Amino acid sequence: MKKIPVVQMNEGTWYRVKGYTYTECCDCALTHKEEYRLVDGHLEWKAVLAPDRTDKRRKELGITVKRKANRGSKKSD
């Protein structure tokens, strides 16, 4: 796999578009692969979660994310 650097995004900072990159959340290191393209004079952008890179980055930073077991369930009366 070609090494693509992870870019730590900071609010209000401009970044040069390079076609694609990975970005991570400032607080929890959730990482996305971002892609850009120019179509008919318009810049288009998309982002997709990158779970493997998120896990690796969180390990490097010592970040642990915990979720409740029954996250989506409703309590019945």
Protein backbone atom coordinates (compact mmCIF):
# COMPACT_ATOMS: atom_id res chain seq x y z
CA MET A 1 0.00 0.00 0.00
CA LYS A 2 1.36 3.42 -0.97
CA LYS A 3 2.14 5.49 2.13
CA ILE A 4 -0.19 8.48 2.31
CA PRO A 5 0.46 10.84 5.20
CA VAL A 6 -2.31 11.56 7.70
CA VAL A 7 -3.07 15.28 7.89
CA GLN A 8 -4.16 16.65 11.27
CA MET A 9 -6.94 19.09 10.34
CA ASN A 10 -7.35 22.24 12.39
CA GLU A 11 -10.44 24.43 12.28
CA GLY A 12 -10.08 27.53 10.12
CA THR A 13 -6.88 26.37 8.39
CA TRP A 14 -6.66 26.11 4.58
CA TYR A 15 -5.09 23.01 3.00
CA ARG A 16 -3.86 22.52 -0.55
CA VAL A 17 -5.84 19.91 -2.49
CA LYS A 18 -3.59 17.09 -3.70
CA GLY A 19 -6.20 14.75 -5.24
CA TYR A 20 -6.63 12.60 -2.15
CA THR A 21 -5.45 12.48 1.42
CA TYR A 22 -6.40 11.12 4.82
CA THR A 23 -7.63 13.46 7.55
CA GLU A 24 -8.24 12.82 11.20
CA CYS A 25 -10.48 14.41 13.81
CA CYS A 26 -8.66 16.72 16.22
CA ASP A 27 -10.05 14.97 19.34
CA CYS A 28 -10.50 11.26 18.65
CA ALA A 29 -8.29 10.56 15.57
CA LEU A 30 -11.25 9.23 13.53
CA THR A 31 -9.66 9.05 10.08
CA HIS A 32 -11.28 9.53 6.66
CA LYS A 33 -9.94 9.10 3.15
CA GLU A 34 -10.81 12.23 1.21
CA GLU A 35 -10.83 12.44 -2.57
CA TYR A 36 -11.18 15.48 -4.81
CA ARG A 37 -11.80 15.85 -8.51
CA LEU A 38 -12.52 18.63 -10.97
CA VAL A 39 -15.61 18.00 -13.13
CA ASP A 40 -16.81 20.59 -15.66
CA GLY A 41 -15.00 23.35 -13.78
CA HIS A 42 -16.42 22.33 -10.37
CA LEU A 43 -14.37 20.87 -7.50
CA GLU A 44 -16.05 17.76 -6.08
CA TRP A 45 -15.13 16.21 -2.73
CA LYS A 46 -15.98 12.98 -0.93
CA ALA A 47 -14.90 11.33 2.32
CA VAL A 48 -15.03 7.68 3.37
CA LEU A 49 -14.21 6.27 6.81
CA ALA A 50 -10.82 4.55 7.06
CA PRO A 51 -11.22 2.15 10.04
CA ASP A 52 -7.76 0.51 9.74
CA ARG A 53 -5.99 3.87 9.70
CA THR A 54 -8.19 5.10 12.55
CA ASP A 55 -7.22 2.08 14.69
CA LYS A 56 -3.52 2.50 13.90
CA ARG A 57 -3.53 6.23 14.66
CA ARG A 58 -5.47 5.80 17.91
CA LYS A 59 -2.92 3.18 19.01
CA GLU A 60 -0.06 5.58 18.23
CA LEU A 61 -1.75 8.34 20.27
CA GLY A 62 -2.95 6.07 23.12
CA ILE A 63 -6.62 6.89 22.47
CA THR A 64 -9.27 4.41 23.65
CA VAL A 65 -12.89 4.76 22.54
CA LYS A 66 -15.57 2.92 24.51
CA ARG A 67 -19.20 2.49 23.52
CA LYS A 68 -22.22 1.28 25.45
CA ALA A 69 -23.20 -2.31 24.61
CA ASN A 70 -26.88 -1.57 23.85
CA ARG A 71 -26.29 1.67 22.00
CA GLY A 72 -29.32 1.63 19.66
CA SER A 73 -31.88 -0.23 21.75
CA LYS A 74 -34.87 1.37 23.46
CA LYS A 75 -35.97 0.58 27.00
CA SER A 76 -39.45 -0.89 27.21
CA ASP A 77 -41.87 0.07 29.99
